[in-house]
């Protein structure tokens, strides 16, 4: 009789644990009592990578013998339009991340952000990995472009539902 009571008690506890677990899981997968939906944070990563790339354009790219040259300093050169094109790639991604943060990241926005980051990588072509050997601005430009492509592709693979 003791065994039957223990089995029934154990079975009842297990059922309660399942109900409790299902309630805990539903908090994260369903709207809250106020009707709010959970936030997907990948859109903030897209925004952060775009902004990091833009900021990195103004940080020292070459630093030697007390002289510091940023990527932005190259806009005065005859081929200075390339600087604006790279910055436009980061700006496109940052704007798409901002729109995603404001209204929810949709697939077209994520694809546009991925194109912006991929365009930056394309503009540097063979010298892209040389950015890792340069000063902090170049390294941050590299990281922002690579991580940005990855998070934008992930955002495109799993976009937020329409709002």
C-alpha atoms as a PDB file:
ATOM      1  CA  UNK A   1       0.000   0.000   0.000  1.00  0.00           C
ATOM      2  CA  UNK A   2       2.902   2.307   0.734  1.00  0.00           C
ATOM      3  CA  UNK A   3       4.292   1.612  -2.724  1.00  0.00           C
ATOM      4  CA  UNK A   4       0.985   2.498  -4.401  1.00  0.00           C
ATOM      5  CA  UNK A   5       0.794   5.759  -2.443  1.00  0.00           C
ATOM      6  CA  UNK A   6       4.416   6.624  -3.320  1.00  0.00           C
ATOM      7  CA  UNK A   7       3.835   5.802  -6.996  1.00  0.00           C
ATOM      8  CA  UNK A   8       0.662   7.916  -7.125  1.00  0.00           C
ATOM      9  CA  UNK A   9       2.421  10.758  -5.304  1.00  0.00           C
ATOM     10  CA  UNK A  10       5.427  10.568  -7.674  1.00  0.00           C
ATOM     11  CA  UNK A  11       3.144  10.423 -10.710  1.00  0.00           C
ATOM     12  CA  UNK A  12       1.176  13.435  -9.489  1.00  0.00           C
ATOM     13  CA  UNK A  13       4.383  15.422  -8.889  1.00  0.00           C
ATOM     14  CA  UNK A  14       5.604  14.592 -12.366  1.00  0.00           C
ATOM     15  CA  UNK A  15       2.327  15.811 -13.897  1.00  0.00           C
ATOM     16  CA  UNK A  16       2.554  19.056 -11.909  1.00  0.00           C
ATOM     17  CA  UNK A  17       6.138  19.511 -13.054  1.00  0.00           C
ATOM     18  CA  UNK A  18       5.093  19.077 -16.691  1.00  0.00           C
ATOM     19  CA  UNK A  19       2.299  21.629 -16.307  1.00  0.00           C
ATOM     20  CA  UNK A  20       4.669  24.029 -14.589  1.00  0.00           C
ATOM     21  CA  UNK A  21       7.272  23.548 -17.326  1.00  0.00           C
ATOM     22  CA  UNK A  22       4.706  24.100 -20.078  1.00  0.00           C
ATOM     23  CA  UNK A  23       3.580  27.318 -18.357  1.00  0.00           C
ATOM     24  CA  UNK A  24       7.176  28.518 -18.152  1.00  0.00           C
ATOM     25  CA  UNK A  25       7.791  27.785 -21.828  1.00  0.00           C
ATOM     26  CA  UNK A  26       4.607  29.537 -22.902  1.00  0.00           C
ATOM     27  CA  UNK A  27       5.773  32.786 -21.325  1.00  0.00           C
ATOM     28  CA  UNK A  28       8.540  33.033 -23.912  1.00  0.00           C
ATOM     29  CA  UNK A  29       6.696  31.758 -26.959  1.00  0.00           C
ATOM     30  CA  UNK A  30       3.319  33.497 -26.612  1.00  0.00           C
ATOM     31  CA  UNK A  31       2.325  37.139 -26.255  1.00  0.00           C
ATOM     32  CA  UNK A  32       2.351  38.563 -22.753  1.00  0.00           C
ATOM     33  CA  UNK A  33      -0.791  39.588 -20.899  1.00  0.00           C
ATOM     34  CA  UNK A  34      -0.393  43.064 -22.385  1.00  0.00           C
ATOM     35  CA  UNK A  35      -0.338  41.590 -25.903  1.00  0.00           C
ATOM     36  CA  UNK A  36       3.386  42.229 -26.434  1.00  0.00           C
ATOM     37  CA  UNK A  37       5.403  39.791 -28.480  1.00  0.00           C
ATOM     38  CA  UNK A  38       8.917  38.682 -27.535  1.00  0.00           C
ATOM     39  CA  UNK A  39      11.777  40.696 -29.051  1.00  0.00           C
ATOM     40  CA  UNK A  40      14.237  39.098 -31.432  1.00  0.00           C
ATOM     41  CA  UNK A  41      17.567  40.707 -30.642  1.00  0.00           C
ATOM     42  CA  UNK A  42      19.300  39.942 -33.925  1.00  0.00           C
ATOM     43  CA  UNK A  43      18.009  43.198 -35.393  1.00  0.00           C
ATOM     44  CA  UNK A  44      20.032  45.073 -32.785  1.00  0.00           C
ATOM     45  CA  UNK A  45      23.138  43.143 -33.836  1.00  0.00           C
ATOM     46  CA  UNK A  46      22.586  44.264 -37.447  1.00  0.00           C
ATOM     47  CA  UNK A  47      22.204  47.860 -36.269  1.00  0.00           C
ATOM     48  CA  UNK A  48      25.286  47.625 -34.036  1.00  0.00           C
ATOM     49  CA  UNK A  49      27.471  46.201 -36.812  1.00  0.00           C
ATOM     50  CA  UNK A  50      26.379  48.921 -39.225  1.00  0.00           C
ATOM     51  CA  UNK A  51      27.115  51.662 -36.695  1.00  0.00           C
ATOM     52  CA  UNK A  52      30.417  50.050 -35.692  1.00  0.00           C
ATOM     53  CA  UNK A  53      31.500  50.006 -39.339  1.00  0.00           C
ATOM     54  CA  UNK A  54      30.595  53.671 -39.779  1.00  0.00           C
ATOM     55  CA  UNK A  55      32.442  54.691 -36.619  1.00  0.00           C
ATOM     56  CA  UNK A  56      35.459  52.589 -37.585  1.00  0.00           C
ATOM     57  CA  UNK A  57      35.810  54.581 -40.812  1.00  0.00           C
ATOM     58  CA  UNK A  58      36.839  57.582 -38.706  1.00  0.00           C
ATOM     59  CA  UNK A  59      39.231  55.709 -36.391  1.00  0.00           C
ATOM     60  CA  UNK A  60      42.948  55.317 -37.219  1.00  0.00           C
ATOM     61  CA  UNK A  61      43.495  52.807 -39.991  1.00  0.00           C
ATOM     62  CA  UNK A  62      47.234  53.361 -40.219  1.00  0.00           C
ATOM     63  CA  UNK A  63      49.288  54.381 -37.233  1.00  0.00           C
ATOM     64  CA  UNK A  64      53.060  54.807 -37.447  1.00  0.00           C
ATOM     65  CA  UNK A  65      55.642  57.202 -36.057  1.00  0.00           C
ATOM     66  CA  UNK A  66      53.047  59.386 -34.363  1.00  0.00           C
ATOM     67  CA  UNK A  67      51.059  59.822 -37.561  1.00  0.00           C
ATOM     68  CA  UNK A  68      47.525  58.444 -37.728  1.00  0.00           C
ATOM     69  CA  UNK A  69      45.529  58.110 -40.925  1.00  0.00           C
ATOM     70  CA  UNK A  70      41.890  57.073 -40.927  1.00  0.00           C
ATOM     71  CA  UNK A  71      39.893  55.581 -43.769  1.00  0.00           C
ATOM     72  CA  UNK A  72      37.980  58.862 -43.972  1.00  0.00           C
ATOM     73  CA  UNK A  73      41.189  60.743 -44.793  1.00  0.00           C
ATOM     74  CA  UNK A  74      41.272  58.937 -48.137  1.00  0.00           C
ATOM     75  CA  UNK A  75      38.114  60.739 -49.329  1.00  0.00           C
ATOM     76  CA  UNK A  76      40.327  63.648 -50.481  1.00  0.00           C
ATOM     77  CA  UNK A  77      42.220  61.398 -52.898  1.00  0.00           C
ATOM     78  CA  UNK A  78      41.313  61.294 -56.617  1.00  0.00           C
ATOM     79  CA  UNK A  79      39.657  57.907 -56.033  1.00  0.00           C
ATOM     80  CA  UNK A  80      37.890  59.170 -52.893  1.00  0.00           C
ATOM     81  CA  UNK A  81      34.463  58.074 -54.052  1.00  0.00           C
ATOM     82  CA  UNK A  82      35.402  54.570 -52.884  1.00  0.00           C
ATOM     83  CA  UNK A  83      35.331  55.822 -49.286  1.00  0.00           C
ATOM     84  CA  UNK A  84      31.775  57.030 -49.744  1.00  0.00           C
ATOM     85  CA  UNK A  85      30.747  53.712 -51.290  1.00  0.00           C
ATOM     86  CA  UNK A  86      32.125  51.710 -48.364  1.00  0.00           C
ATOM     87  CA  UNK A  87      30.442  54.047 -45.903  1.00  0.00           C
ATOM     88  CA  UNK A  88      27.196  53.721 -47.882  1.00  0.00           C
ATOM     89  CA  UNK A  89      27.345  49.934 -47.414  1.00  0.00           C
ATOM     90  CA  UNK A  90      27.616  50.334 -43.648  1.00  0.00           C
ATOM     91  CA  UNK A  91      24.959  53.069 -43.648  1.00  0.00           C
ATOM     92  CA  UNK A  92      22.527  50.872 -45.593  1.00  0.00           C
ATOM     93  CA  UNK A  93      22.959  48.101 -43.050  1.00  0.00           C
ATOM     94  CA  UNK A  94      22.586  50.521 -40.124  1.00  0.00           C
ATOM     95  CA  UNK A  95      19.380  51.991 -41.571  1.00  0.00           C
ATOM     96  CA  UNK A  96      17.932  48.526 -42.146  1.00  0.00           C
ATOM     97  CA  UNK A  97      18.831  47.590 -38.566  1.00  0.00           C
ATOM     98  CA  UNK A  98      17.179  50.774 -37.275  1.00  0.00           C
ATOM     99  CA  UNK A  99      14.032  50.063 -39.297  1.00  0.00           C
ATOM    100  CA  UNK A 100      14.059  46.529 -37.954  1.00  0.00           C
ATOM    101  CA  UNK A 101      14.390  47.791 -34.399  1.00  0.00           C
ATOM    102  CA  UNK A 102      11.512  50.220 -34.911  1.00  0.00           C
ATOM    103  CA  UNK A 103       9.053  48.042 -36.819  1.00  0.00           C
ATOM    104  CA  UNK A 104      10.370  44.490 -36.710  1.00  0.00           C
ATOM    105  CA  UNK A 105      13.046  42.958 -38.932  1.00  0.00           C
ATOM    106  CA  UNK A 106      11.506  41.726 -42.161  1.00  0.00           C
ATOM    107  CA  UNK A 107      13.257  39.514 -44.689  1.00  0.00           C
ATOM    108  CA  UNK A 108      13.787  42.278 -47.322  1.00  0.00           C
ATOM    109  CA  UNK A 109      15.412  44.505 -44.697  1.00  0.00           C
ATOM    110  CA  UNK A 110      17.726  41.713 -43.583  1.00  0.00           C
ATOM    111  CA  UNK A 111      18.655  40.943 -47.200  1.00  0.00           C
ATOM    112  CA  UNK A 112      19.404  44.619 -47.864  1.00  0.00           C
ATOM    113  CA  UNK A 113      21.612  44.735 -44.760  1.00  0.00           C
ATOM    114  CA  UNK A 114      23.459  41.593 -45.888  1.00  0.00           C
ATOM    115  CA  UNK A 115      24.001  43.177 -49.302  1.00  0.00           C
ATOM    116  CA  UNK A 116      25.390  46.310 -47.635  1.00  0.00           C
ATOM    117  CA  UNK A 117      27.887  44.324 -45.581  1.00  0.00           C
ATOM    118  CA  UNK A 118      28.808  42.089 -48.523  1.00  0.00           C
ATOM    119  CA  UNK A 119      29.363  45.187 -50.652  1.00  0.00           C
ATOM    120  CA  UNK A 120      31.921  46.438 -48.112  1.00  0.00           C
ATOM    121  CA  UNK A 121      33.765  43.124 -48.321  1.00  0.00           C
ATOM    122  CA  UNK A 122      33.613  43.285 -52.131  1.00  0.00           C
ATOM    123  CA  UNK A 123      35.042  46.824 -52.212  1.00  0.00           C
ATOM    124  CA  UNK A 124      38.152  45.710 -50.314  1.00  0.00           C
ATOM    125  CA  UNK A 125      38.477  42.542 -52.429  1.00  0.00           C
ATOM    126  CA  UNK A 126      41.879  40.876 -51.945  1.00  0.00           C
ATOM    127  CA  UNK A 127      43.010  43.403 -49.358  1.00  0.00           C
ATOM    128  CA  UNK A 128      40.147  42.601 -47.012  1.00  0.00           C
ATOM    129  CA  UNK A 129      42.222  40.312 -44.797  1.00  0.00           C
ATOM    130  CA  UNK A 130      44.989  42.928 -44.711  1.00  0.00           C
ATOM    131  CA  UNK A 131      42.639  44.996 -42.554  1.00  0.00           C
ATOM    132  CA  UNK A 132      43.517  42.665 -39.689  1.00  0.00           C
ATOM    133  CA  UNK A 133      47.164  43.779 -39.871  1.00  0.00           C
ATOM    134  CA  UNK A 134      46.338  47.495 -39.671  1.00  0.00           C
ATOM    135  CA  UNK A 135      45.294  49.727 -36.770  1.00  0.00           C
ATOM    136  CA  UNK A 136      42.077  49.568 -34.738  1.00  0.00           C
ATOM    137  CA  UNK A 137      39.834  51.287 -37.288  1.00  0.00           C
ATOM    138  CA  UNK A 138      40.633  48.740 -39.979  1.00  0.00           C
ATOM    139  CA  UNK A 139      40.177  45.808 -37.585  1.00  0.00           C
ATOM    140  CA  UNK A 140      36.786  47.099 -36.504  1.00  0.00           C
ATOM    141  CA  UNK A 141      35.770  47.579 -40.143  1.00  0.00           C
ATOM    142  CA  UNK A 142      36.698  43.939 -40.786  1.00  0.00           C
ATOM    143  CA  UNK A 143      34.799  42.652 -37.742  1.00  0.00           C
ATOM    144  CA  UNK A 144      31.731  44.781 -38.496  1.00  0.00           C
ATOM    145  CA  UNK A 145      31.529  43.524 -42.083  1.00  0.00           C
ATOM    146  CA  UNK A 146      32.046  39.829 -41.306  1.00  0.00           C
ATOM    147  CA  UNK A 147      29.812  39.677 -38.244  1.00  0.00           C
ATOM    148  CA  UNK A 148      27.292  41.895 -40.022  1.00  0.00           C
ATOM    149  CA  UNK A 149      26.964  39.500 -42.951  1.00  0.00           C
ATOM    150  CA  UNK A 150      26.458  36.576 -40.584  1.00  0.00           C
ATOM    151  CA  UNK A 151      23.792  38.241 -38.430  1.00  0.00           C
ATOM    152  CA  UNK A 152      21.995  39.707 -41.448  1.00  0.00           C
ATOM    153  CA  UNK A 153      21.805  36.275 -43.093  1.00  0.00           C
ATOM    154  CA  UNK A 154      20.503  34.826 -39.819  1.00  0.00           C
ATOM    155  CA  UNK A 155      17.903  37.604 -39.633  1.00  0.00           C
ATOM    156  CA  UNK A 156      16.858  36.851 -43.204  1.00  0.00           C
ATOM    157  CA  UNK A 157      16.606  33.139 -42.462  1.00  0.00           C
ATOM    158  CA  UNK A 158      14.237  33.740 -39.557  1.00  0.00           C
ATOM    159  CA  UNK A 159      12.472  37.112 -39.957  1.00  0.00           C
ATOM    160  CA  UNK A 160       9.944  38.478 -37.509  1.00  0.00           C
ATOM    161  CA  UNK A 161       6.256  38.050 -38.216  1.00  0.00           C
ATOM    162  CA  UNK A 162       4.317  40.894 -39.795  1.00  0.00           C
ATOM    163  CA  UNK A 163       3.073  43.592 -37.458  1.00  0.00           C
END
